[in-house]
C-alpha atoms as a PDB file:
ATOM      1  CA  UNK A   1       0.000   0.000   0.000  1.00  0.00           C
ATOM      2  CA  UNK A   2       1.364   3.400  -1.010  1.00  0.00           C
ATOM      3  CA  UNK A   3       0.659   6.106   1.563  1.00  0.00           C
ATOM      4  CA  UNK A   4       1.177   9.769   0.756  1.00  0.00           C
ATOM      5  CA  UNK A   5       4.094  11.029   2.860  1.00  0.00           C
ATOM      6  CA  UNK A   6       2.514  14.485   2.926  1.00  0.00           C
ATOM      7  CA  UNK A   7      -0.589  13.015   4.540  1.00  0.00           C
ATOM      8  CA  UNK A   8       1.517  11.249   7.179  1.00  0.00           C
ATOM      9  CA  UNK A   9       3.343  14.498   7.950  1.00  0.00           C
ATOM     10  CA  UNK A  10      -0.021  16.207   8.330  1.00  0.00           C
ATOM     11  CA  UNK A  11      -1.192  13.559  10.798  1.00  0.00           C
ATOM     12  CA  UNK A  12       1.951  14.137  12.860  1.00  0.00           C
ATOM     13  CA  UNK A  13       1.396  17.884  12.797  1.00  0.00           C
ATOM     14  CA  UNK A  14      -2.242  17.565  13.898  1.00  0.00           C
ATOM     15  CA  UNK A  15      -1.463  15.266  16.832  1.00  0.00           C
ATOM     16  CA  UNK A  16       1.591  17.242  17.971  1.00  0.00           C
ATOM     17  CA  UNK A  17      -0.160  20.617  17.665  1.00  0.00           C
ATOM     18  CA  UNK A  18      -3.381  19.348  19.228  1.00  0.00           C
ATOM     19  CA  UNK A  19      -5.775  20.797  16.656  1.00  0.00           C
ATOM     20  CA  UNK A  20      -6.332  21.191  12.925  1.00  0.00           C
ATOM     21  CA  UNK A  21      -6.078  24.985  13.205  1.00  0.00           C
ATOM     22  CA  UNK A  22      -2.735  24.940  15.009  1.00  0.00           C
ATOM     23  CA  UNK A  23      -1.405  22.296  12.632  1.00  0.00           C
ATOM     24  CA  UNK A  24      -2.328  24.503   9.678  1.00  0.00           C
ATOM     25  CA  UNK A  25      -0.130  27.268  11.124  1.00  0.00           C
ATOM     26  CA  UNK A  26       2.790  24.884  11.580  1.00  0.00           C
ATOM     27  CA  UNK A  27       2.388  23.516   8.048  1.00  0.00           C
ATOM     28  CA  UNK A  28       1.684  26.866   6.400  1.00  0.00           C
ATOM     29  CA  UNK A  29      -1.590  25.712   4.827  1.00  0.00           C
ATOM     30  CA  UNK A  30      -5.268  26.334   5.537  1.00  0.00           C
ATOM     31  CA  UNK A  31      -7.253  24.361   8.150  1.00  0.00           C
ATOM     32  CA  UNK A  32      -9.424  23.132   5.298  1.00  0.00           C
ATOM     33  CA  UNK A  33      -6.379  21.675   3.540  1.00  0.00           C
ATOM     34  CA  UNK A  34      -5.343  19.949   6.771  1.00  0.00           C
ATOM     35  CA  UNK A  35      -8.815  18.445   7.114  1.00  0.00           C
ATOM     36  CA  UNK A  36      -8.785  17.262   3.502  1.00  0.00           C
ATOM     37  CA  UNK A  37      -5.424  15.546   3.923  1.00  0.00           C
ATOM     38  CA  UNK A  38      -6.502  13.738   7.090  1.00  0.00           C
ATOM     39  CA  UNK A  39      -9.765  12.700   5.464  1.00  0.00           C
ATOM     40  CA  UNK A  40      -7.895  11.412   2.420  1.00  0.00           C
ATOM     41  CA  UNK A  41      -5.575   9.390   4.658  1.00  0.00           C
ATOM     42  CA  UNK A  42      -8.526   7.941   6.567  1.00  0.00           C
ATOM     43  CA  UNK A  43     -10.266   7.015   3.309  1.00  0.00           C
ATOM     44  CA  UNK A  44      -7.078   5.395   2.042  1.00  0.00           C
ATOM     45  CA  UNK A  45      -6.716   3.273   5.177  1.00  0.00           C
ATOM     46  CA  UNK A  46     -10.421   2.702   5.749  1.00  0.00           C
ATOM     47  CA  UNK A  47     -10.340   3.831   9.375  1.00  0.00           C
ATOM     48  CA  UNK A  48     -10.919   6.933  11.496  1.00  0.00           C
ATOM     49  CA  UNK A  49      -7.502   8.035  12.752  1.00  0.00           C
ATOM     50  CA  UNK A  50      -8.272  10.927  15.098  1.00  0.00           C
ATOM     51  CA  UNK A  51     -11.138  12.057  17.293  1.00  0.00           C
ATOM     52  CA  UNK A  52     -11.963  15.653  16.332  1.00  0.00           C
ATOM     53  CA  UNK A  53     -11.727  16.984  19.887  1.00  0.00           C
ATOM     54  CA  UNK A  54      -9.470  19.609  21.412  1.00  0.00           C
ATOM     55  CA  UNK A  55      -6.847  18.428  21.814  1.00  0.00           C
ATOM     56  CA  UNK A  56      -7.114  15.937  18.973  1.00  0.00           C
ATOM     57  CA  UNK A  57      -6.958  12.345  20.255  1.00  0.00           C
ATOM     58  CA  UNK A  58      -5.699   9.499  18.038  1.00  0.00           C
ATOM     59  CA  UNK A  59      -7.865   6.396  17.800  1.00  0.00           C
ATOM     60  CA  UNK A  60      -6.410   2.922  18.305  1.00  0.00           C
ATOM     61  CA  UNK A  61      -5.801   2.684  14.547  1.00  0.00           C
ATOM     62  CA  UNK A  62      -4.537   6.246  14.584  1.00  0.00           C
ATOM     63  CA  UNK A  63      -1.832   5.367  17.100  1.00  0.00           C
ATOM     64  CA  UNK A  64      -0.601   2.582  14.814  1.00  0.00           C
ATOM     65  CA  UNK A  65      -0.381   4.940  11.852  1.00  0.00           C
ATOM     66  CA  UNK A  66       1.192   7.621  14.046  1.00  0.00           C
ATOM     67  CA  UNK A  67       3.960   5.264  15.087  1.00  0.00           C
ATOM     68  CA  UNK A  68       4.616   4.365  11.454  1.00  0.00           C
ATOM     69  CA  UNK A  69       4.606   8.047  10.509  1.00  0.00           C
ATOM     70  CA  UNK A  70       7.193   8.903  13.166  1.00  0.00           C
ATOM     71  CA  UNK A  71       9.433   6.066  12.036  1.00  0.00           C
ATOM     72  CA  UNK A  72       9.175   7.232   8.428  1.00  0.00           C
ATOM     73  CA  UNK A  73       9.914  10.804   9.490  1.00  0.00           C
ATOM     74  CA  UNK A  74      12.978   9.663  11.438  1.00  0.00           C
ATOM     75  CA  UNK A  75      14.397   7.660   8.538  1.00  0.00           C
ATOM     76  CA  UNK A  76      13.561  10.395   6.022  1.00  0.00           C
ATOM     77  CA  UNK A  77      15.386  12.998   8.076  1.00  0.00           C
ATOM     78  CA  UNK A  78      18.425  10.750   8.448  1.00  0.00           C
ATOM     79  CA  UNK A  79      18.501  10.207   4.692  1.00  0.00           C
ATOM     80  CA  UNK A  80      18.356  13.963   4.130  1.00  0.00           C
ATOM     81  CA  UNK A  81      21.271  14.428   6.546  1.00  0.00           C
ATOM     82  CA  UNK A  82      23.284  11.869   4.599  1.00  0.00           C
ATOM     83  CA  UNK A  83      22.708  13.987   1.496  1.00  0.00           C
ATOM     84  CA  UNK A  84      24.146  16.957   3.418  1.00  0.00           C
ATOM     85  CA  UNK A  85      20.938  18.958   3.392  1.00  0.00           C
ATOM     86  CA  UNK A  86      21.406  19.504   7.156  1.00  0.00           C
ATOM     87  CA  UNK A  87      17.732  19.013   7.912  1.00  0.00           C
ATOM     88  CA  UNK A  88      17.141  19.357  11.684  1.00  0.00           C
ATOM     89  CA  UNK A  89      16.195  16.095  13.378  1.00  0.00           C
ATOM     90  CA  UNK A  90      13.884  15.584  16.357  1.00  0.00           C
ATOM     91  CA  UNK A  91      13.570  12.583  18.619  1.00  0.00           C
ATOM     92  CA  UNK A  92      11.538  11.873  21.757  1.00  0.00           C
ATOM     93  CA  UNK A  93      12.654   9.595  24.593  1.00  0.00           C
ATOM     94  CA  UNK A  94      10.659   8.323  27.566  1.00  0.00           C
ATOM     95  CA  UNK A  95      12.664   8.278  30.807  1.00  0.00           C
ATOM     96  CA  UNK A  96      11.640   7.669  34.414  1.00  0.00           C
ATOM     97  CA  UNK A  97      12.249  10.409  36.992  1.00  0.00           C
ATOM     98  CA  UNK A  98      14.803   8.521  39.076  1.00  0.00           C
ATOM     99  CA  UNK A  99      16.969   7.812  36.033  1.00  0.00           C
ATOM    100  CA  UNK A 100      16.836  11.482  35.064  1.00  0.00           C
ATOM    101  CA  UNK A 101      17.938  12.467  38.565  1.00  0.00           C
ATOM    102  CA  UNK A 102      20.789   9.977  38.884  1.00  0.00           C
ATOM    103  CA  UNK A 103      22.647   8.399  35.967  1.00  0.00           C
ATOM    104  CA  UNK A 104      21.344  10.471  33.046  1.00  0.00           C
ATOM    105  CA  UNK A 105      23.795  13.399  33.344  1.00  0.00           C
ATOM    106  CA  UNK A 106      26.411  11.919  30.958  1.00  0.00           C
ATOM    107  CA  UNK A 107      23.618  11.152  28.475  1.00  0.00           C
ATOM    108  CA  UNK A 108      22.849  14.863  28.156  1.00  0.00           C
ATOM    109  CA  UNK A 109      26.531  15.604  27.571  1.00  0.00           C
ATOM    110  CA  UNK A 110      26.706  13.070  24.748  1.00  0.00           C
ATOM    111  CA  UNK A 111      23.437  14.204  23.170  1.00  0.00           C
ATOM    112  CA  UNK A 112      24.661  17.801  23.136  1.00  0.00           C
ATOM    113  CA  UNK A 113      27.486  16.770  20.823  1.00  0.00           C
ATOM    114  CA  UNK A 114      25.115  15.544  18.092  1.00  0.00           C
ATOM    115  CA  UNK A 115      24.632  18.414  15.666  1.00  0.00           C
ATOM    116  CA  UNK A 116      21.197  19.482  14.464  1.00  0.00           C
ATOM    117  CA  UNK A 117      19.378  17.196  16.888  1.00  0.00           C
ATOM    118  CA  UNK A 118      16.395  18.317  18.961  1.00  0.00           C
ATOM    119  CA  UNK A 119      15.664  16.007  21.901  1.00  0.00           C
ATOM    120  CA  UNK A 120      12.390  15.817  23.808  1.00  0.00           C
ATOM    121  CA  UNK A 121      12.571  13.961  27.115  1.00  0.00           C
ATOM    122  CA  UNK A 122       9.155  12.806  28.305  1.00  0.00           C
ATOM    123  CA  UNK A 123       9.182  11.987  31.993  1.00  0.00           C
ATOM    124  CA  UNK A 124       7.314   8.776  32.687  1.00  0.00           C
ATOM    125  CA  UNK A 125       7.188   5.918  35.160  1.00  0.00           C
ATOM    126  CA  UNK A 126       9.406   2.910  34.446  1.00  0.00           C
ATOM    127  CA  UNK A 127       6.282   0.736  34.673  1.00  0.00           C
ATOM    128  CA  UNK A 128       4.114   2.847  32.338  1.00  0.00           C
ATOM    129  CA  UNK A 129       6.463   4.147  29.655  1.00  0.00           C
ATOM    130  CA  UNK A 130       5.745   1.378  27.156  1.00  0.00           C
ATOM    131  CA  UNK A 131       2.422   2.992  26.276  1.00  0.00           C
ATOM    132  CA  UNK A 132       4.352   5.982  24.907  1.00  0.00           C
ATOM    133  CA  UNK A 133       6.397   3.636  22.725  1.00  0.00           C
ATOM    134  CA  UNK A 134       3.382   1.631  21.608  1.00  0.00           C
ATOM    135  CA  UNK A 135       1.522   4.735  20.490  1.00  0.00           C
ATOM    136  CA  UNK A 136       4.526   6.223  18.714  1.00  0.00           C
ATOM    137  CA  UNK A 137       4.886   9.171  21.081  1.00  0.00           C
ATOM    138  CA  UNK A 138       8.520   8.248  21.709  1.00  0.00           C
ATOM    139  CA  UNK A 139      11.150   6.352  19.721  1.00  0.00           C
ATOM    140  CA  UNK A 140      12.748   4.740  22.772  1.00  0.00           C
ATOM    141  CA  UNK A 141      11.941   4.352  26.448  1.00  0.00           C
ATOM    142  CA  UNK A 142      13.646   3.299  29.672  1.00  0.00           C
ATOM    143  CA  UNK A 143      11.319   0.708  31.192  1.00  0.00           C
ATOM    144  CA  UNK A 144      11.156  -2.044  33.801  1.00  0.00           C
ATOM    145  CA  UNK A 145       9.597  -4.428  31.242  1.00  0.00           C
ATOM    146  CA  UNK A 146      11.924  -6.927  29.580  1.00  0.00           C
ATOM    147  CA  UNK A 147       9.596  -8.313  26.898  1.00  0.00           C
ATOM    148  CA  UNK A 148       9.901  -6.230  23.747  1.00  0.00           C
ATOM    149  CA  UNK A 149       6.826  -4.683  22.199  1.00  0.00           C
ATOM    150  CA  UNK A 150       5.964  -5.826  18.691  1.00  0.00           C
ATOM    151  CA  UNK A 151       8.241  -4.011  16.263  1.00  0.00           C
ATOM    152  CA  UNK A 152      10.704  -3.059  19.003  1.00  0.00           C
ATOM    153  CA  UNK A 153      13.902  -4.368  20.562  1.00  0.00           C
ATOM    154  CA  UNK A 154      14.732  -4.679  24.258  1.00  0.00           C
ATOM    155  CA  UNK A 155      18.160  -4.412  25.873  1.00  0.00           C
ATOM    156  CA  UNK A 156      18.925  -4.667  29.588  1.00  0.00           C
ATOM    157  CA  UNK A 157      20.639  -1.622  31.083  1.00  0.00           C
ATOM    158  CA  UNK A 158      20.976  -3.109  34.571  1.00  0.00           C
ATOM    159  CA  UNK A 159      18.981  -2.307  37.678  1.00  0.00           C
ATOM    160  CA  UNK A 160      18.505   0.497  40.180  1.00  0.00           C
ATOM    161  CA  UNK A 161      18.771  -0.447  43.840  1.00  0.00           C
ATOM    162  CA  UNK A 162      16.401   1.333  46.225  1.00  0.00           C
ATOM    163  CA  UNK A 163      16.973   1.337  49.982  1.00  0.00           C
ATOM    164  CA  UNK A 164      14.595   2.091  52.836  1.00  0.00           C
ATOM    165  CA  UNK A 165      15.826   5.273  54.510  1.00  0.00           C
ATOM    166  CA  UNK A 166      14.669   7.973  56.897  1.00  0.00           C
ATOM    167  CA  UNK A 167      15.914  10.985  58.828  1.00  0.00           C
ATOM    168  CA  UNK A 168      17.331  10.623  62.376  1.00  0.00           C
ATOM    169  CA  UNK A 169      14.250  12.447  63.693  1.00  0.00           C
ATOM    170  CA  UNK A 170      11.858   9.868  62.199  1.00  0.00           C
ATOM    171  CA  UNK A 171      14.044   7.014  63.418  1.00  0.00           C
ATOM    172  CA  UNK A 172      14.192   8.298  66.994  1.00  0.00           C
ATOM    173  CA  UNK A 173      10.437   8.872  67.080  1.00  0.00           C
ATOM    174  CA  UNK A 174       9.066   5.814  65.274  1.00  0.00           C
ATOM    175  CA  UNK A 175      11.827   3.322  64.496  1.00  0.00           C
ATOM    176  CA  UNK A 176      13.939   2.824  67.591  1.00  0.00           C
ATOM    177  CA  UNK A 177      13.946  -0.963  67.028  1.00  0.00           C
ATOM    178  CA  UNK A 178      13.844  -0.659  63.218  1.00  0.00           C
ATOM    179  CA  UNK A 179      11.369  -3.540  63.084  1.00  0.00           C
ATOM    180  CA  UNK A 180       8.737  -4.310  60.417  1.00  0.00           C
ATOM    181  CA  UNK A 181       6.006  -3.680  62.993  1.00  0.00           C
ATOM    182  CA  UNK A 182       7.343  -0.194  63.675  1.00  0.00           C
ATOM    183  CA  UNK A 183       7.766   0.498  59.960  1.00  0.00           C
ATOM    184  CA  UNK A 184       4.042  -0.101  59.385  1.00  0.00           C
ATOM    185  CA  UNK A 185       3.259   2.544  62.021  1.00  0.00           C
ATOM    186  CA  UNK A 186       5.704   5.104  60.592  1.00  0.00           C
ATOM    187  CA  UNK A 187       4.652   7.935  58.218  1.00  0.00           C
ATOM    188  CA  UNK A 188       5.464   6.945  54.643  1.00  0.00           C
ATOM    189  CA  UNK A 189       6.571   9.014  51.648  1.00  0.00           C
ATOM    190  CA  UNK A 190       5.732   7.659  48.177  1.00  0.00           C
ATOM    191  CA  UNK A 191       6.432   9.182  44.778  1.00  0.00           C
ATOM    192  CA  UNK A 192       2.846   9.048  43.507  1.00  0.00           C
ATOM    193  CA  UNK A 193      -0.203   6.790  43.688  1.00  0.00           C
ATOM    194  CA  UNK A 194       1.308   4.411  41.127  1.00  0.00           C
ATOM    195  CA  UNK A 195       4.542   3.961  43.100  1.00  0.00           C
ATOM    196  CA  UNK A 196       4.619   0.369  44.483  1.00  0.00           C
ATOM    197  CA  UNK A 197       8.047   0.312  46.141  1.00  0.00           C
ATOM    198  CA  UNK A 198       7.089   1.258  49.686  1.00  0.00           C
ATOM    199  CA  UNK A 199       3.996  -0.966  49.736  1.00  0.00           C
ATOM    200  CA  UNK A 200       5.940  -3.901  48.270  1.00  0.00           C
ATOM    201  CA  UNK A 201       8.564  -3.493  50.977  1.00  0.00           C
ATOM    202  CA  UNK A 202       5.928  -3.454  53.732  1.00  0.00           C
ATOM    203  CA  UNK A 203       4.313  -6.615  52.358  1.00  0.00           C
ATOM    204  CA  UNK A 204       7.679  -8.315  52.151  1.00  0.00           C
ATOM    205  CA  UNK A 205       8.558  -7.440  55.752  1.00  0.00           C
ATOM    206  CA  UNK A 206       5.192  -7.458  57.543  1.00  0.00           C
ATOM    207  CA  UNK A 207       3.113  -9.834  55.438  1.00  0.00           C
ATOM    208  CA  UNK A 208       0.718  -9.774  52.489  1.00  0.00           C
ATOM    209  CA  UNK A 209      -1.753  -6.921  52.588  1.00  0.00           C
ATOM    210  CA  UNK A 210       0.289  -4.816  55.011  1.00  0.00           C
ATOM    211  CA  UNK A 211      -0.272  -1.096  54.565  1.00  0.00           C
ATOM    212  CA  UNK A 212       0.896   1.985  56.487  1.00  0.00           C
ATOM    213  CA  UNK A 213      -1.282   2.828  59.468  1.00  0.00           C
ATOM    214  CA  UNK A 214       0.216   6.333  59.741  1.00  0.00           C
ATOM    215  CA  UNK A 215       0.194   9.244  57.272  1.00  0.00           C
ATOM    216  CA  UNK A 216       1.134   8.665  53.629  1.00  0.00           C
ATOM    217  CA  UNK A 217       2.582  11.593  51.659  1.00  0.00           C
ATOM    218  CA  UNK A 218       2.857  11.824  47.842  1.00  0.00           C
ATOM    219  CA  UNK A 219       5.813  13.803  46.433  1.00  0.00           C
ATOM    220  CA  UNK A 220       5.989  13.351  42.618  1.00  0.00           C
ATOM    221  CA  UNK A 221       9.471  14.790  42.043  1.00  0.00           C
ATOM    222  CA  UNK A 222      12.667  12.773  42.503  1.00  0.00           C
ATOM    223  CA  UNK A 223      14.730  15.541  44.101  1.00  0.00           C
ATOM    224  CA  UNK A 224      11.912  16.919  46.260  1.00  0.00           C
ATOM    225  CA  UNK A 225      11.043  13.375  47.269  1.00  0.00           C
ATOM    226  CA  UNK A 226      14.451  13.013  48.900  1.00  0.00           C
ATOM    227  CA  UNK A 227      14.131  16.495  50.409  1.00  0.00           C
ATOM    228  CA  UNK A 228      10.788  15.551  51.979  1.00  0.00           C
ATOM    229  CA  UNK A 229      12.307  12.485  53.621  1.00  0.00           C
ATOM    230  CA  UNK A 230      15.293  14.523  54.800  1.00  0.00           C
ATOM    231  CA  UNK A 231      12.845  17.023  56.320  1.00  0.00           C
ATOM    232  CA  UNK A 232      11.288  14.261  58.419  1.00  0.00           C
ATOM    233  CA  UNK A 233       7.996  13.651  56.611  1.00  0.00           C
ATOM    234  CA  UNK A 234       8.488   9.892  56.780  1.00  0.00           C
ATOM    235  CA  UNK A 235      10.487   6.952  55.466  1.00  0.00           C
ATOM    236  CA  UNK A 236      10.792   6.012  51.813  1.00  0.00           C
ATOM    237  CA  UNK A 237      12.615   3.928  49.220  1.00  0.00           C
ATOM    238  CA  UNK A 238      15.439   5.982  47.726  1.00  0.00           C
ATOM    239  CA  UNK A 239      17.797   5.111  44.845  1.00  0.00           C
ATOM    240  CA  UNK A 240      21.191   4.087  46.188  1.00  0.00           C
ATOM    241  CA  UNK A 241      22.758   6.526  43.721  1.00  0.00           C
ATOM    242  CA  UNK A 242      20.947   9.392  45.468  1.00  0.00           C
ATOM    243  CA  UNK A 243      21.687   8.192  48.992  1.00  0.00           C
ATOM    244  CA  UNK A 244      25.386   8.828  48.407  1.00  0.00           C
ATOM    245  CA  UNK A 245      24.646  12.566  48.484  1.00  0.00           C
ATOM    246  CA  UNK A 246      21.793  12.474  51.018  1.00  0.00           C
ATOM    247  CA  UNK A 247      23.943  12.988  54.099  1.00  0.00           C
ATOM    248  CA  UNK A 248      20.949  13.666  56.368  1.00  0.00           C
ATOM    249  CA  UNK A 249      19.451  10.203  55.866  1.00  0.00           C
ATOM    250  CA  UNK A 250      20.146   6.814  57.396  1.00  0.00           C
ATOM    251  CA  UNK A 251      19.612   3.416  55.814  1.00  0.00           C
ATOM    252  CA  UNK A 252      17.090   1.580  57.982  1.00  0.00           C
ATOM    253  CA  UNK A 253      18.390  -1.949  57.422  1.00  0.00           C
ATOM    254  CA  UNK A 254      20.977  -3.433  55.063  1.00  0.00           C
ATOM    255  CA  UNK A 255      18.470  -6.042  53.864  1.00  0.00           C
ATOM    256  CA  UNK A 256      15.630  -3.599  53.276  1.00  0.00           C
ATOM    257  CA  UNK A 257      16.281  -2.926  49.607  1.00  0.00           C
ATOM    258  CA  UNK A 258      14.612  -3.553  46.251  1.00  0.00           C
ATOM    259  CA  UNK A 259      16.167  -3.852  42.799  1.00  0.00           C
ATOM    260  CA  UNK A 260      14.208  -2.452  39.854  1.00  0.00           C
ATOM    261  CA  UNK A 261      15.453  -3.768  36.478  1.00  0.00           C
ATOM    262  CA  UNK A 262      15.805  -1.246  33.681  1.00  0.00           C
ATOM    263  CA  UNK A 263      15.624  -1.978  29.970  1.00  0.00           C
ATOM    264  CA  UNK A 264      15.952   0.164  26.883  1.00  0.00           C
ATOM    265  CA  UNK A 265      13.170  -0.562  24.424  1.00  0.00           C
ATOM    266  CA  UNK A 266      13.287   1.145  21.027  1.00  0.00           C
ATOM    267  CA  UNK A 267      11.899   0.876  17.542  1.00  0.00           C
ATOM    268  CA  UNK A 268      13.432  -2.006  15.572  1.00  0.00           C
ATOM    269  CA  UNK A 269      14.424   0.209  12.647  1.00  0.00           C
ATOM    270  CA  UNK A 270      17.878   0.696  11.163  1.00  0.00           C
ATOM    271  CA  UNK A 271      18.309   4.260  12.361  1.00  0.00           C
ATOM    272  CA  UNK A 272      21.759   5.736  12.903  1.00  0.00           C
ATOM    273  CA  UNK A 273      20.479   8.199  15.507  1.00  0.00           C
ATOM    274  CA  UNK A 274      18.623   5.482  17.452  1.00  0.00           C
ATOM    275  CA  UNK A 275      21.717   3.287  17.306  1.00  0.00           C
ATOM    276  CA  UNK A 276      23.751   6.211  18.644  1.00  0.00           C
ATOM    277  CA  UNK A 277      21.300   6.870  21.486  1.00  0.00           C
ATOM    278  CA  UNK A 278      21.225   3.144  22.259  1.00  0.00           C
ATOM    279  CA  UNK A 279      25.007   3.178  22.673  1.00  0.00           C
ATOM    280  CA  UNK A 280      24.965   6.383  24.758  1.00  0.00           C
ATOM    281  CA  UNK A 281      22.406   5.023  27.236  1.00  0.00           C
ATOM    282  CA  UNK A 282      24.093   1.638  27.603  1.00  0.00           C
ATOM    283  CA  UNK A 283      27.447   3.334  28.261  1.00  0.00           C
ATOM    284  CA  UNK A 284      25.976   5.784  30.799  1.00  0.00           C
ATOM    285  CA  UNK A 285      24.177   2.987  32.644  1.00  0.00           C
ATOM    286  CA  UNK A 286      27.381   0.965  32.788  1.00  0.00           C
ATOM    287  CA  UNK A 287      29.430   3.896  34.086  1.00  0.00           C
ATOM    288  CA  UNK A 288      26.855   4.364  36.864  1.00  0.00           C
ATOM    289  CA  UNK A 289      27.172   0.721  37.875  1.00  0.00           C
ATOM    290  CA  UNK A 290      23.642  -0.321  36.924  1.00  0.00           C
ATOM    291  CA  UNK A 291      25.022  -3.402  35.174  1.00  0.00           C
ATOM    292  CA  UNK A 292      26.485  -4.618  38.472  1.00  0.00           C
ATOM    293  CA  UNK A 293      22.956  -5.118  39.841  1.00  0.00           C
ATOM    294  CA  UNK A 294      21.695  -7.747  37.416  1.00  0.00           C
END
């Protein structure tokens, strides 16, 4: 099936801009022309691709076409660069907050050396990022899932070790014995409502179904999360890489830790820029010691 590249580019513009009107400005054509192109693409494929809301929402079929369109755009731009037309290239990556706050620094340094490349980092949870890859929103994602999505490859980066930690004030008030029973009765700090680490640790130590009986605080920012625990809001699971600099915190018990595996999943296309990013992330993860926690 031959699909008009111009129509695919229009679909990308509509989804990224959020509306037909805004896409028309980005493309330099009229809203009517945008609508005609999308309609022609839908007729060609025999499926509705976007819900005409604000913002525009891709349908299930639309997400599949969107992913294909982004892959085509990536390869087209790389081909243009090979012909020395110096066309700017854009790429989106899904990365979890804790990776951004710990081992990702060298990645930024390496990415800055790639000329004419615009990078969009989309912050996501390591357990939820695959949806961004499946829908074509990103070209690669750092995830806790090993099994590769259809049309993608998966490579293990290593694992992040999280340790139960708290401030001396919390320990002296709630955790003098540092026992599982006391931990259940201690205020808890979690990243957000999807964060399972603290609850998994409680179940492991105090039994299935164990939940905090004291206050639970939600701090959805990796750096502020550590700050909240340092300030004495409660105990929490903190990346070992961050604990090195968190001088105000104490590890509660050497055995109270959890390892979260990290994988790089990316489109299975022969893309020089994706291959480069693949290499950059693997190297950065190795330098941070993630590969030592297999």
